[in-house]
Amino acid sequence: MTDSRGSASVLALGVGLALLLVGLGFQSVGAAAVARHRAGLAADLAALSGALHVAEGASAACVRAAALAAENGATLTECTTTGTHVIVTTAVPPTGPAALIGRATATAHAGPVIPPVRPP
């Protein structure tokens, strides 16, 4: 007959470690999803803000877009203007272990749907 005293402790430790790793995985996926949504929100708001200021010039539009992205916890990584349209890309780092993977990014476009009417 073998001595199996303490084997339940080892088994419980293994199960606990497995549950910890699964929980860590779910936390990482959740943190990445939250970062992606925060990047999308910041990009949408930054593009709208830039479009409001595009009449003042491309640099003014991008400066305002960068400021609004920063207010929402994001970094403006790219800003281009074409006429009255603004295209911005923002990045947000996820929290926790998901930060090792990289930043979540999002791109948004804002501008008038109908081109401005020019007087005859």
PDB file of N, CA and C in Angstrom:
ATOM      1  N   MET A   1       0.839  -1.171   0.000  1.00  0.00           N
ATOM      2  CA  MET A   1       0.000   0.000   0.000  1.00  0.00           C
ATOM      3  C   MET A   1       0.896   1.250   0.000  1.00  0.00           C
ATOM      4  N   THR A   2       0.583   2.210  -0.872  1.00  0.00           N
ATOM      5  CA  THR A   2       1.394   3.419  -0.980  1.00  0.00           C
ATOM      6  C   THR A   2       0.872   4.485  -0.038  1.00  0.00           C
ATOM      7  N   ASP A   3       1.772   5.350   0.367  1.00  0.00           N
ATOM      8  CA  ASP A   3       1.387   6.451   1.257  1.00  0.00           C
ATOM      9  C   ASP A   3       0.943   7.627   0.397  1.00  0.00           C
ATOM     10  N   SER A   4      -0.325   7.950   0.450  1.00  0.00           N
ATOM     11  CA  SER A   4      -0.861   9.025  -0.392  1.00  0.00           C
ATOM     12  C   SER A   4      -1.233  10.252   0.423  1.00  0.00           C
ATOM     13  N   ARG A   5      -0.699  10.355   1.632  1.00  0.00           N
ATOM     14  CA  ARG A   5      -0.992  11.534   2.443  1.00  0.00           C
ATOM     15  C   ARG A   5      -0.375  12.770   1.795  1.00  0.00           C
ATOM     16  N   GLY A   6      -1.146  13.846   1.698  1.00  0.00           N
ATOM     17  CA  GLY A   6      -0.666  15.092   1.105  1.00  0.00           C
ATOM     18  C   GLY A   6      -0.920  15.217  -0.381  1.00  0.00           C
ATOM     19  N   SER A   7      -1.363  14.152  -1.025  1.00  0.00           N
ATOM     20  CA  SER A   7      -1.603  14.241  -2.472  1.00  0.00           C
ATOM     21  C   SER A   7      -2.791  15.142  -2.786  1.00  0.00           C
ATOM     22  N   ALA A   8      -3.760  15.223  -1.873  1.00  0.00           N
ATOM     23  CA  ALA A   8      -4.902  16.115  -2.098  1.00  0.00           C
ATOM     24  C   ALA A   8      -4.456  17.574  -2.061  1.00  0.00           C
ATOM     25  N   SER A   9      -3.465  17.877  -1.235  1.00  0.00           N
ATOM     26  CA  SER A   9      -2.942  19.245  -1.170  1.00  0.00           C
ATOM     27  C   SER A   9      -2.281  19.636  -2.486  1.00  0.00           C
ATOM     28  N   VAL A  10      -1.534  18.728  -3.050  1.00  0.00           N
ATOM     29  CA  VAL A  10      -0.878  18.994  -4.330  1.00  0.00           C
ATOM     30  C   VAL A  10      -1.923  19.164  -5.424  1.00  0.00           C
ATOM     31  N   LEU A  11      -2.950  18.325  -5.401  1.00  0.00           N
ATOM     32  CA  LEU A  11      -4.027  18.432  -6.383  1.00  0.00           C
ATOM     33  C   LEU A  11      -4.770  19.756  -6.226  1.00  0.00           C
ATOM     34  N   ALA A  12      -5.060  20.154  -4.995  1.00  0.00           N
ATOM     35  CA  ALA A  12      -5.748  21.425  -4.745  1.00  0.00           C
ATOM     36  C   ALA A  12      -4.894  22.599  -5.202  1.00  0.00           C
ATOM     37  N   LEU A  13      -3.601  22.508  -4.979  1.00  0.00           N
ATOM     38  CA  LEU A  13      -2.690  23.559  -5.432  1.00  0.00           C
ATOM     39  C   LEU A  13      -2.697  23.665  -6.955  1.00  0.00           C
ATOM     40  N   GLY A  14      -2.681  22.530  -7.631  1.00  0.00           N
ATOM     41  CA  GLY A  14      -2.725  22.532  -9.099  1.00  0.00           C
ATOM     42  C   GLY A  14      -4.023  23.104  -9.634  1.00  0.00           C
ATOM     43  N   VAL A  15      -5.147  22.728  -9.031  1.00  0.00           N
ATOM     44  CA  VAL A  15      -6.449  23.261  -9.459  1.00  0.00           C
ATOM     45  C   VAL A  15      -6.511  24.759  -9.200  1.00  0.00           C
ATOM     46  N   GLY A  16      -6.013  25.190  -8.048  1.00  0.00           N
ATOM     47  CA  GLY A  16      -6.001  26.621  -7.734  1.00  0.00           C
ATOM     48  C   GLY A  16      -5.157  27.410  -8.717  1.00  0.00           C
ATOM     49  N   LEU A  17      -4.008  26.868  -9.069  1.00  0.00           N
ATOM     50  CA  LEU A  17      -3.134  27.533 -10.041  1.00  0.00           C
ATOM     51  C   LEU A  17      -3.797  27.605 -11.414  1.00  0.00           C
ATOM     52  N   ALA A  18      -4.468  26.537 -11.814  1.00  0.00           N
ATOM     53  CA  ALA A  18      -5.172  26.535 -13.103  1.00  0.00           C
ATOM     54  C   ALA A  18      -6.280  27.580 -13.111  1.00  0.00           C
ATOM     55  N   LEU A  19      -7.033  27.675 -12.016  1.00  0.00           N
ATOM     56  CA  LEU A  19      -8.099  28.681 -11.934  1.00  0.00           C
ATOM     57  C   LEU A  19      -7.527  30.095 -11.958  1.00  0.00           C
ATOM     58  N   LEU A  20      -6.393  30.286 -11.310  1.00  0.00           N
ATOM     59  CA  LEU A  20      -5.736  31.592 -11.324  1.00  0.00           C
ATOM     60  C   LEU A  20      -5.326  31.982 -12.739  1.00  0.00           C
ATOM     61  N   LEU A  21      -4.761  31.054 -13.479  1.00  0.00           N
ATOM     62  CA  LEU A  21      -4.341  31.341 -14.852  1.00  0.00           C
ATOM     63  C   LEU A  21      -5.535  31.620 -15.761  1.00  0.00           C
ATOM     64  N   VAL A  22      -6.618  30.877 -15.584  1.00  0.00           N
ATOM     65  CA  VAL A  22      -7.826  31.129 -16.377  1.00  0.00           C
ATOM     66  C   VAL A  22      -8.384  32.513 -16.049  1.00  0.00           C
ATOM     67  N   GLY A  23      -8.419  32.857 -14.766  1.00  0.00           N
ATOM     68  CA  GLY A  23      -8.891  34.182 -14.363  1.00  0.00           C
ATOM     69  C   GLY A  23      -8.024  35.291 -14.923  1.00  0.00           C
ATOM     70  N   LEU A  24      -6.728  35.080 -14.923  1.00  0.00           N
ATOM     71  CA  LEU A  24      -5.797  36.060 -15.485  1.00  0.00           C
ATOM     72  C   LEU A  24      -6.025  36.228 -16.985  1.00  0.00           C
ATOM     73  N   GLY A  25      -6.319  35.128 -17.657  1.00  0.00           N
ATOM     74  CA  GLY A  25      -6.624  35.203 -19.090  1.00  0.00           C
ATOM     75  C   GLY A  25      -7.890  35.997 -19.356  1.00  0.00           C
ATOM     76  N   PHE A  26      -8.936  35.738 -18.575  1.00  0.00           N
ATOM     77  CA  PHE A  26     -10.180  36.489 -18.743  1.00  0.00           C
ATOM     78  C   PHE A  26      -9.977  37.969 -18.435  1.00  0.00           C
ATOM     79  N   GLN A  27      -9.176  38.272 -17.417  1.00  0.00           N
ATOM     80  CA  GLN A  27      -8.906  39.666 -17.083  1.00  0.00           C
ATOM     81  C   GLN A  27      -8.174  40.354 -18.222  1.00  0.00           C
ATOM     82  N   SER A  28      -7.236  39.671 -18.838  1.00  0.00           N
ATOM     83  CA  SER A  28      -6.481  40.252 -19.950  1.00  0.00           C
ATOM     84  C   SER A  28      -7.378  40.521 -21.151  1.00  0.00           C
ATOM     85  N   VAL A  29      -8.250  39.579 -21.465  1.00  0.00           N
ATOM     86  CA  VAL A  29      -9.183  39.773 -22.582  1.00  0.00           C
ATOM     87  C   VAL A  29     -10.121  40.935 -22.282  1.00  0.00           C
ATOM     88  N   GLY A  30     -10.612  41.011 -21.060  1.00  0.00           N
ATOM     89  CA  GLY A  30     -11.492  42.113 -20.678  1.00  0.00           C
ATOM     90  C   GLY A  30     -10.791  43.456 -20.740  1.00  0.00           C
ATOM     91  N   ALA A  31      -9.561  43.516 -20.249  1.00  0.00           N
ATOM     92  CA  ALA A  31      -8.800  44.766 -20.280  1.00  0.00           C
ATOM     93  C   ALA A  31      -8.521  45.206 -21.707  1.00  0.00           C
ATOM     94  N   ALA A  32      -8.226  44.257 -22.589  1.00  0.00           N
ATOM     95  CA  ALA A  32      -7.990  44.596 -23.997  1.00  0.00           C
ATOM     96  C   ALA A  32      -9.265  45.116 -24.650  1.00  0.00           C
ATOM     97  N   ALA A  33     -10.406  44.521 -24.328  1.00  0.00           N
ATOM     98  CA  ALA A  33     -11.681  44.978 -24.895  1.00  0.00           C
ATOM     99  C   ALA A  33     -12.027  46.378 -24.400  1.00  0.00           C
ATOM    100  N   VAL A  34     -11.804  46.630 -23.125  1.00  0.00           N
ATOM    101  CA  VAL A  34     -12.074  47.963 -22.580  1.00  0.00           C
ATOM    102  C   VAL A  34     -11.162  48.991 -23.239  1.00  0.00           C
ATOM    103  N   ALA A  35      -9.891  48.663 -23.403  1.00  0.00           N
ATOM    104  CA  ALA A  35      -8.951  49.587 -24.046  1.00  0.00           C
ATOM    105  C   ALA A  35      -9.364  49.868 -25.483  1.00  0.00           C
ATOM    106  N   ARG A  36      -9.835  48.861 -26.187  1.00  0.00           N
ATOM    107  CA  ARG A  36     -10.276  49.048 -27.578  1.00  0.00           C
ATOM    108  C   ARG A  36     -11.468  49.994 -27.643  1.00  0.00           C
ATOM    109  N   HIS A  37     -12.413  49.829 -26.725  1.00  0.00           N
ATOM    110  CA  HIS A  37     -13.579  50.709 -26.717  1.00  0.00           C
ATOM    111  C   HIS A  37     -13.200  52.133 -26.307  1.00  0.00           C
ATOM    112  N   ARG A  38     -12.268  52.263 -25.375  1.00  0.00           N
ATOM    113  CA  ARG A  38     -11.808  53.600 -24.990  1.00  0.00           C
ATOM    114  C   ARG A  38     -11.087  54.278 -26.150  1.00  0.00           C
ATOM    115  N   ALA A  39     -10.303  53.526 -26.898  1.00  0.00           N
ATOM    116  CA  ALA A  39      -9.612  54.085 -28.062  1.00  0.00           C
ATOM    117  C   ALA A  39     -10.619  54.516 -29.121  1.00  0.00           C
ATOM    118  N   GLY A  40     -11.660  53.720 -29.329  1.00  0.00           N
ATOM    119  CA  GLY A  40     -12.695  54.072 -30.303  1.00  0.00           C
ATOM    120  C   GLY A  40     -13.450  55.326 -29.913  1.00  0.00           C
ATOM    121  N   LEU A  41     -13.807  55.427 -28.639  1.00  0.00           N
ATOM    122  CA  LEU A  41     -14.508  56.615 -28.162  1.00  0.00           C
ATOM    123  C   LEU A  41     -13.634  57.849 -28.309  1.00  0.00           C
ATOM    124  N   ALA A  42     -12.377  57.734 -27.901  1.00  0.00           N
ATOM    125  CA  ALA A  42     -11.462  58.871 -28.008  1.00  0.00           C
ATOM    126  C   ALA A  42     -11.256  59.275 -29.465  1.00  0.00           C
ATOM    127  N   ALA A  43     -11.163  58.311 -30.367  1.00  0.00           N
ATOM    128  CA  ALA A  43     -10.990  58.622 -31.790  1.00  0.00           C
ATOM    129  C   ALA A  43     -12.227  59.321 -32.346  1.00  0.00           C
ATOM    130  N   ASP A  44     -13.405  58.830 -32.001  1.00  0.00           N
ATOM    131  CA  ASP A  44     -14.636  59.468 -32.478  1.00  0.00           C
ATOM    132  C   ASP A  44     -14.727  60.915 -32.011  1.00  0.00           C
ATOM    133  N   LEU A  45     -14.499  61.136 -30.722  1.00  0.00           N
ATOM    134  CA  LEU A  45     -14.592  62.492 -30.183  1.00  0.00           C
ATOM    135  C   LEU A  45     -13.497  63.399 -30.735  1.00  0.00           C
ATOM    136  N   ALA A  46     -12.291  62.873 -30.881  1.00  0.00           N
ATOM    137  CA  ALA A  46     -11.191  63.677 -31.421  1.00  0.00           C
ATOM    138  C   ALA A  46     -11.457  64.062 -32.872  1.00  0.00           C
ATOM    139  N   ALA A  47     -12.002  63.141 -33.654  1.00  0.00           N
ATOM    140  CA  ALA A  47     -12.311  63.452 -35.054  1.00  0.00           C
ATOM    141  C   ALA A  47     -13.398  64.517 -35.145  1.00  0.00           C
ATOM    142  N   LEU A  48     -14.417  64.403 -34.316  1.00  0.00           N
ATOM    143  CA  LEU A  48     -15.480  65.418 -34.322  1.00  0.00           C
ATOM    144  C   LEU A  48     -14.941  66.780 -33.898  1.00  0.00           C
ATOM    145  N   SER A  49     -14.104  66.791 -32.875  1.00  0.00           N
ATOM    146  CA  SER A  49     -13.522  68.049 -32.426  1.00  0.00           C
ATOM    147  C   SER A  49     -12.618  68.649 -33.496  1.00  0.00           C
ATOM    148  N   GLY A  50     -11.825  67.817 -34.137  1.00  0.00           N
ATOM    149  CA  GLY A  50     -10.970  68.307 -35.214  1.00  0.00           C
ATOM    150  C   GLY A  50     -11.779  68.855 -36.371  1.00  0.00           C
ATOM    151  N   ALA A  51     -12.890  68.194 -36.699  1.00  0.00           N
ATOM    152  CA  ALA A  51     -13.739  68.661 -37.796  1.00  0.00           C
ATOM    153  C   ALA A  51     -14.361  70.015 -37.477  1.00  0.00           C
ATOM    154  N   LEU A  52     -14.653  70.255 -36.203  1.00  0.00           N
ATOM    155  CA  LEU A  52     -15.200  71.557 -35.815  1.00  0.00           C
ATOM    156  C   LEU A  52     -14.178  72.672 -35.994  1.00  0.00           C
ATOM    157  N   HIS A  53     -12.894  72.345 -35.876  1.00  0.00           N
ATOM    158  CA  HIS A  53     -11.837  73.354 -35.947  1.00  0.00           C
ATOM    159  C   HIS A  53     -11.052  73.314 -37.254  1.00  0.00           C
ATOM    160  N   VAL A  54     -11.479  72.518 -38.228  1.00  0.00           N
ATOM    161  CA  VAL A  54     -10.720  72.382 -39.471  1.00  0.00           C
ATOM    162  C   VAL A  54     -10.719  73.682 -40.277  1.00  0.00           C
ATOM    163  N   ALA A  55     -11.713  74.526 -40.087  1.00  0.00           N
ATOM    164  CA  ALA A  55     -11.747  75.806 -40.801  1.00  0.00           C
ATOM    165  C   ALA A  55     -10.611  76.726 -40.358  1.00  0.00           C
ATOM    166  N   GLU A  56     -10.073  76.486 -39.162  1.00  0.00           N
ATOM    167  CA  GLU A  56      -8.961  77.287 -38.647  1.00  0.00           C
ATOM    168  C   GLU A  56      -7.615  76.802 -39.185  1.00  0.00           C
ATOM    169  N   GLY A  57      -7.621  75.694 -39.894  1.00  0.00           N
ATOM    170  CA  GLY A  57      -6.397  75.136 -40.459  1.00  0.00           C
ATOM    171  C   GLY A  57      -6.161  73.723 -39.978  1.00  0.00           C
ATOM    172  N   ALA A  58      -5.339  73.005 -40.731  1.00  0.00           N
ATOM    173  CA  ALA A  58      -5.077  71.599 -40.412  1.00  0.00           C
ATOM    174  C   ALA A  58      -4.385  71.445 -39.068  1.00  0.00           C
ATOM    175  N   SER A  59      -3.423  72.323 -38.780  1.00  0.00           N
ATOM    176  CA  SER A  59      -2.701  72.182 -37.510  1.00  0.00           C
ATOM    177  C   SER A  59      -3.603  72.477 -36.323  1.00  0.00           C
ATOM    178  N   ALA A  60      -4.489  73.460 -36.446  1.00  0.00           N
ATOM    179  CA  ALA A  60      -5.426  73.765 -35.357  1.00  0.00           C
ATOM    180  C   ALA A  60      -6.375  72.601 -35.118  1.00  0.00           C
ATOM    181  N   ALA A  61      -6.819  71.976 -36.197  1.00  0.00           N
ATOM    182  CA  ALA A  61      -7.722  70.830 -36.063  1.00  0.00           C
ATOM    183  C   ALA A  61      -7.021  69.674 -35.360  1.00  0.00           C
ATOM    184  N   CYS A  62      -5.782  69.412 -35.736  1.00  0.00           N
ATOM    185  CA  CYS A  62      -5.048  68.295 -35.127  1.00  0.00           C
ATOM    186  C   CYS A  62      -4.651  68.589 -33.683  1.00  0.00           C
ATOM    187  N   VAL A  63      -4.344  69.848 -33.383  1.00  0.00           N
ATOM    188  CA  VAL A  63      -4.023  70.217 -31.996  1.00  0.00           C
ATOM    189  C   VAL A  63      -5.243  70.011 -31.113  1.00  0.00           C
ATOM    190  N   ARG A  64      -6.403  70.437 -31.582  1.00  0.00           N
ATOM    191  CA  ARG A  64      -7.631  70.257 -30.798  1.00  0.00           C
ATOM    192  C   ARG A  64      -7.981  68.775 -30.676  1.00  0.00           C
ATOM    193  N   ALA A  65      -7.784  68.018 -31.736  1.00  0.00           N
ATOM    194  CA  ALA A  65      -8.058  66.577 -31.685  1.00  0.00           C
ATOM    195  C   ALA A  65      -7.128  65.889 -30.688  1.00  0.00           C
ATOM    196  N   ALA A  66      -5.857  66.279 -30.670  1.00  0.00           N
ATOM    197  CA  ALA A  66      -4.898  65.688 -29.728  1.00  0.00           C
ATOM    198  C   ALA A  66      -5.271  66.023 -28.290  1.00  0.00           C
ATOM    199  N   ALA A  67      -5.706  67.260 -28.064  1.00  0.00           N
ATOM    200  CA  ALA A  67      -6.097  67.661 -26.712  1.00  0.00           C
ATOM    201  C   ALA A  67      -7.302  66.857 -26.229  1.00  0.00           C
ATOM    202  N   LEU A  68      -8.282  66.673 -27.092  1.00  0.00           N
ATOM    203  CA  LEU A  68      -9.471  65.923 -26.688  1.00  0.00           C
ATOM    204  C   LEU A  68      -9.151  64.443 -26.501  1.00  0.00           C
ATOM    205  N   ALA A  69      -8.270  63.903 -27.318  1.00  0.00           N
ATOM    206  CA  ALA A  69      -7.858  62.503 -27.137  1.00  0.00           C
ATOM    207  C   ALA A  69      -7.164  62.334 -25.790  1.00  0.00           C
ATOM    208  N   ALA A  70      -6.295  63.274 -25.438  1.00  0.00           N
ATOM    209  CA  ALA A  70      -5.587  63.204 -24.159  1.00  0.00           C
ATOM    210  C   ALA A  70      -6.555  63.313 -22.986  1.00  0.00           C
ATOM    211  N   GLU A  71      -7.584  64.151 -23.118  1.00  0.00           N
ATOM    212  CA  GLU A  71      -8.585  64.275 -22.057  1.00  0.00           C
ATOM    213  C   GLU A  71      -9.334  62.965 -21.839  1.00  0.00           C
ATOM    214  N   ASN A  72      -9.365  62.113 -22.848  1.00  0.00           N
ATOM    215  CA  ASN A  72     -10.048  60.827 -22.748  1.00  0.00           C
ATOM    216  C   ASN A  72      -9.077  59.672 -22.514  1.00  0.00           C
ATOM    217  N   GLY A  73      -7.852  59.979 -22.120  1.00  0.00           N
ATOM    218  CA  GLY A  73      -6.888  58.943 -21.770  1.00  0.00           C
ATOM    219  C   GLY A  73      -6.247  58.242 -22.949  1.00  0.00           C
ATOM    220  N   ALA A  74      -6.276  58.867 -24.115  1.00  0.00           N
ATOM    221  CA  ALA A  74      -5.703  58.260 -25.317  1.00  0.00           C
ATOM    222  C   ALA A  74      -4.582  59.141 -25.854  1.00  0.00           C
ATOM    223  N   THR A  75      -3.802  58.571 -26.733  1.00  0.00           N
ATOM    224  CA  THR A  75      -2.742  59.301 -27.420  1.00  0.00           C
ATOM    225  C   THR A  75      -3.112  59.394 -28.890  1.00  0.00           C
ATOM    226  N   LEU A  76      -3.044  60.593 -29.444  1.00  0.00           N
ATOM    227  CA  LEU A  76      -3.299  60.774 -30.873  1.00  0.00           C
ATOM    228  C   LEU A  76      -2.046  60.333 -31.618  1.00  0.00           C
ATOM    229  N   THR A  77      -2.155  59.290 -32.423  1.00  0.00           N
ATOM    230  CA  THR A  77      -0.984  58.772 -33.133  1.00  0.00           C
ATOM    231  C   THR A  77      -0.922  59.244 -34.573  1.00  0.00           C
ATOM    232  N   GLU A  78      -2.059  59.652 -35.124  1.00  0.00           N
ATOM    233  CA  GLU A  78      -2.083  60.122 -36.511  1.00  0.00           C
ATOM    234  C   GLU A  78      -3.257  61.067 -36.689  1.00  0.00           C
ATOM    235  N   CYS A  79      -3.036  62.129 -37.452  1.00  0.00           N
ATOM    236  CA  CYS A  79      -4.099  63.091 -37.751  1.00  0.00           C
ATOM    237  C   CYS A  79      -3.860  63.650 -39.151  1.00  0.00           C
ATOM    238  N   THR A  80      -4.840  63.479 -40.015  1.00  0.00           N
ATOM    239  CA  THR A  80      -4.754  64.035 -41.365  1.00  0.00           C
ATOM    240  C   THR A  80      -6.045  64.774 -41.674  1.00  0.00           C
ATOM    241  N   THR A  81      -5.901  65.814 -42.462  1.00  0.00           N
ATOM    242  CA  THR A  81      -7.076  66.568 -42.907  1.00  0.00           C
ATOM    243  C   THR A  81      -7.079  66.603 -44.426  1.00  0.00           C
ATOM    244  N   THR A  82      -8.268  66.478 -44.967  1.00  0.00           N
ATOM    245  CA  THR A  82      -8.473  66.588 -46.407  1.00  0.00           C
ATOM    246  C   THR A  82      -9.682  67.481 -46.608  1.00  0.00           C
ATOM    247  N   GLY A  83      -9.432  68.709 -46.993  1.00  0.00           N
ATOM    248  CA  GLY A  83     -10.548  69.641 -47.134  1.00  0.00           C
ATOM    249  C   GLY A  83     -11.190  69.880 -45.777  1.00  0.00           C
ATOM    250  N   THR A  84     -12.458  69.532 -45.668  1.00  0.00           N
ATOM    251  CA  THR A  84     -13.184  69.707 -44.409  1.00  0.00           C
ATOM    252  C   THR A  84     -13.290  68.408 -43.616  1.00  0.00           C
ATOM    253  N   HIS A  85     -12.559  67.394 -44.017  1.00  0.00           N
ATOM    254  CA  HIS A  85     -12.611  66.095 -43.342  1.00  0.00           C
ATOM    255  C   HIS A  85     -11.358  65.882 -42.492  1.00  0.00           C
ATOM    256  N   VAL A  86     -11.551  65.209 -41.369  1.00  0.00           N
ATOM    257  CA  VAL A  86     -10.451  64.905 -40.454  1.00  0.00           C
ATOM    258  C   VAL A  86     -10.448  63.404 -40.195  1.00  0.00           C
ATOM    259  N   ILE A  87      -9.270  62.795 -40.288  1.00  0.00           N
ATOM    260  CA  ILE A  87      -9.107  61.375 -39.972  1.00  0.00           C
ATOM    261  C   ILE A  87      -8.062  61.281 -38.868  1.00  0.00           C
ATOM    262  N   VAL A  88      -8.448  60.662 -37.745  1.00  0.00           N
ATOM    263  CA  VAL A  88      -7.536  60.539 -36.610  1.00  0.00           C
ATOM    264  C   VAL A  88      -7.399  59.077 -36.197  1.00  0.00           C
ATOM    265  N   THR A  89      -6.253  58.764 -35.629  1.00  0.00           N
ATOM    266  CA  THR A  89      -6.014  57.447 -35.038  1.00  0.00           C
ATOM    267  C   THR A  89      -5.533  57.669 -33.618  1.00  0.00           C
ATOM    268  N   THR A  90      -6.143  56.954 -32.681  1.00  0.00           N
ATOM    269  CA  THR A  90      -5.763  57.065 -31.278  1.00  0.00           C
ATOM    270  C   THR A  90      -5.299  55.709 -30.759  1.00  0.00           C
ATOM    271  N   ALA A  91      -4.563  55.740 -29.662  1.00  0.00           N
ATOM    272  CA  ALA A  91      -4.074  54.509 -29.029  1.00  0.00           C
ATOM    273  C   ALA A  91      -4.271  54.610 -27.525  1.00  0.00           C
ATOM    274  N   VAL A  92      -4.659  53.489 -26.924  1.00  0.00           N
ATOM    275  CA  VAL A  92      -4.847  53.397 -25.477  1.00  0.00           C
ATOM    276  C   VAL A  92      -4.163  52.120 -24.994  1.00  0.00           C
ATOM    277  N   PRO A  93      -3.302  52.220 -23.982  1.00  0.00           N
ATOM    278  CA  PRO A  93      -2.687  50.999 -23.453  1.00  0.00           C
ATOM    279  C   PRO A  93      -3.657  50.279 -22.519  1.00  0.00           C
ATOM    280  N   PRO A  94      -3.793  48.972 -22.648  1.00  0.00           N
ATOM    281  CA  PRO A  94      -4.644  48.245 -21.701  1.00  0.00           C
ATOM    282  C   PRO A  94      -3.963  48.143 -20.338  1.00  0.00           C
ATOM    283  N   THR A  95      -4.740  47.795 -19.333  1.00  0.00           N
ATOM    284  CA  THR A  95      -4.191  47.653 -17.987  1.00  0.00           C
ATOM    285  C   THR A  95      -3.824  46.198 -17.718  1.00  0.00           C
ATOM    286  N   GLY A  96      -3.026  46.000 -16.702  1.00  0.00           N
ATOM    287  CA  GLY A  96      -2.688  44.645 -16.280  1.00  0.00           C
ATOM    288  C   GLY A  96      -1.772  43.927 -17.257  1.00  0.00           C
ATOM    289  N   PRO A  97      -1.840  42.597 -17.253  1.00  0.00           N
ATOM    290  CA  PRO A  97      -0.961  41.803 -18.113  1.00  0.00           C
ATOM    291  C   PRO A  97      -1.192  42.049 -19.603  1.00  0.00           C
ATOM    292  N   ALA A  98      -2.368  42.519 -19.975  1.00  0.00           N
ATOM    293  CA  ALA A  98      -2.650  42.782 -21.388  1.00  0.00           C
ATOM    294  C   ALA A  98      -1.773  43.908 -21.931  1.00  0.00           C
ATOM    295  N   ALA A  99      -1.204  44.717 -21.047  1.00  0.00           N
ATOM    296  CA  ALA A  99      -0.331  45.808 -21.491  1.00  0.00           C
ATOM    297  C   ALA A  99       0.925  45.275 -22.174  1.00  0.00           C
ATOM    298  N   LEU A 100       1.284  44.028 -21.892  1.00  0.00           N
ATOM    299  CA  LEU A 100       2.462  43.440 -22.527  1.00  0.00           C
ATOM    300  C   LEU A 100       2.237  43.177 -24.009  1.00  0.00           C
ATOM    301  N   ILE A 101       0.984  43.049 -24.412  1.00  0.00           N
ATOM    302  CA  ILE A 101       0.656  42.744 -25.809  1.00  0.00           C
ATOM    303  C   ILE A 101       0.843  43.969 -26.690  1.00  0.00           C
ATOM    304  N   GLY A 102       0.460  45.136 -26.198  1.00  0.00           N
ATOM    305  CA  GLY A 102       0.565  46.359 -26.981  1.00  0.00           C
ATOM    306  C   GLY A 102      -0.627  47.256 -26.732  1.00  0.00           C
ATOM    307  N   ARG A 103      -0.738  48.297 -27.539  1.00  0.00           N
ATOM    308  CA  ARG A 103      -1.802  49.274 -27.356  1.00  0.00           C
ATOM    309  C   ARG A 103      -2.984  48.959 -28.263  1.00  0.00           C
ATOM    310  N   ALA A 104      -4.163  49.341 -27.793  1.00  0.00           N
ATOM    311  CA  ALA A 104      -5.369  49.233 -28.616  1.00  0.00           C
ATOM    312  C   ALA A 104      -5.479  50.513 -29.434  1.00  0.00           C
ATOM    313  N   THR A 105      -5.760  50.393 -30.721  1.00  0.00           N
ATOM    314  CA  THR A 105      -5.868  51.563 -31.585  1.00  0.00           C
ATOM    315  C   THR A 105      -7.231  51.607 -32.255  1.00  0.00           C
ATOM    316  N   ALA A 106      -7.608  52.817 -32.652  1.00  0.00           N
ATOM    317  CA  ALA A 106      -8.861  53.005 -33.377  1.00  0.00           C
ATOM    318  C   ALA A 106      -8.704  54.211 -34.293  1.00  0.00           C
ATOM    319  N   THR A 107      -9.382  54.170 -35.417  1.00  0.00           N
ATOM    320  CA  THR A 107      -9.363  55.263 -36.384  1.00  0.00           C
ATOM    321  C   THR A 107     -10.780  55.758 -36.589  1.00  0.00           C
ATOM    322  N   ALA A 108     -10.921  57.083 -36.690  1.00  0.00           N
ATOM    323  CA  ALA A 108     -12.239  57.675 -36.912  1.00  0.00           C
ATOM    324  C   ALA A 108     -12.123  58.779 -37.955  1.00  0.00           C
ATOM    325  N   HIS A 109     -13.214  59.015 -38.632  1.00  0.00           N
ATOM    326  CA  HIS A 109     -13.298  59.997 -39.710  1.00  0.00           C
ATOM    327  C   HIS A 109     -14.483  60.904 -39.422  1.00  0.00           C
ATOM    328  N   ALA A 110     -14.290  62.210 -39.571  1.00  0.00           N
ATOM    329  CA  ALA A 110     -15.397  63.148 -39.369  1.00  0.00           C
ATOM    330  C   ALA A 110     -15.315  64.252 -40.413  1.00  0.00           C
ATOM    331  N   GLY A 111     -16.458  64.682 -40.836  1.00  0.00           N
ATOM    332  CA  GLY A 111     -16.572  65.756 -41.810  1.00  0.00           C
ATOM    333  C   GLY A 111     -17.999  65.846 -42.287  1.00  0.00           C
ATOM    334  N   PRO A 112     -18.302  66.857 -43.054  1.00  0.00           N
ATOM    335  CA  PRO A 112     -19.674  67.004 -43.529  1.00  0.00           C
ATOM    336  C   PRO A 112     -20.050  65.897 -44.509  1.00  0.00           C
ATOM    337  N   VAL A 113     -21.302  65.482 -44.439  1.00  0.00           N
ATOM    338  CA  VAL A 113     -21.794  64.454 -45.351  1.00  0.00           C
ATOM    339  C   VAL A 113     -22.048  65.063 -46.722  1.00  0.00           C
ATOM    340  N   ILE A 114     -22.601  66.249 -46.718  1.00  0.00           N
ATOM    341  CA  ILE A 114     -22.909  66.956 -47.964  1.00  0.00           C
ATOM    342  C   ILE A 114     -21.833  68.015 -48.166  1.00  0.00           C
ATOM    343  N   PRO A 115     -21.250  68.095 -49.359  1.00  0.00           N
ATOM    344  CA  PRO A 115     -20.232  69.115 -49.585  1.00  0.00           C
ATOM    345  C   PRO A 115     -20.830  70.514 -49.430  1.00  0.00           C
ATOM    346  N   PRO A 116     -20.024  71.460 -48.975  1.00  0.00           N
ATOM    347  CA  PRO A 116     -20.544  72.815 -48.803  1.00  0.00           C
ATOM    348  C   PRO A 116     -21.011  73.399 -50.135  1.00  0.00           C
ATOM    349  N   VAL A 117     -22.076  74.165 -50.062  1.00  0.00           N
ATOM    350  CA  VAL A 117     -22.629  74.810 -51.257  1.00  0.00           C
ATOM    351  C   VAL A 117     -21.832  76.073 -51.521  1.00  0.00           C
ATOM    352  N   ARG A 118     -21.344  76.190 -52.733  1.00  0.00           N
ATOM    353  CA  ARG A 118     -20.579  77.373 -53.108  1.00  0.00           C
ATOM    354  C   ARG A 118     -21.517  78.341 -53.837  1.00  0.00           C
ATOM    355  N   PRO A 119     -21.433  79.596 -53.467  1.00  0.00           N
ATOM    356  CA  PRO A 119     -22.303  80.571 -54.145  1.00  0.00           C
ATOM    357  C   PRO A 119     -21.938  80.690 -55.626  1.00  0.00           C
ATOM    358  N   PRO A 120     -22.937  80.966 -56.461  1.00  0.00           N
ATOM    359  CA  PRO A 120     -22.659  81.070 -57.909  1.00  0.00           C
ATOM    360  C   PRO A 120     -21.819  82.269 -58.260  1.00  0.00           C
TER     361      PRO A 120
END
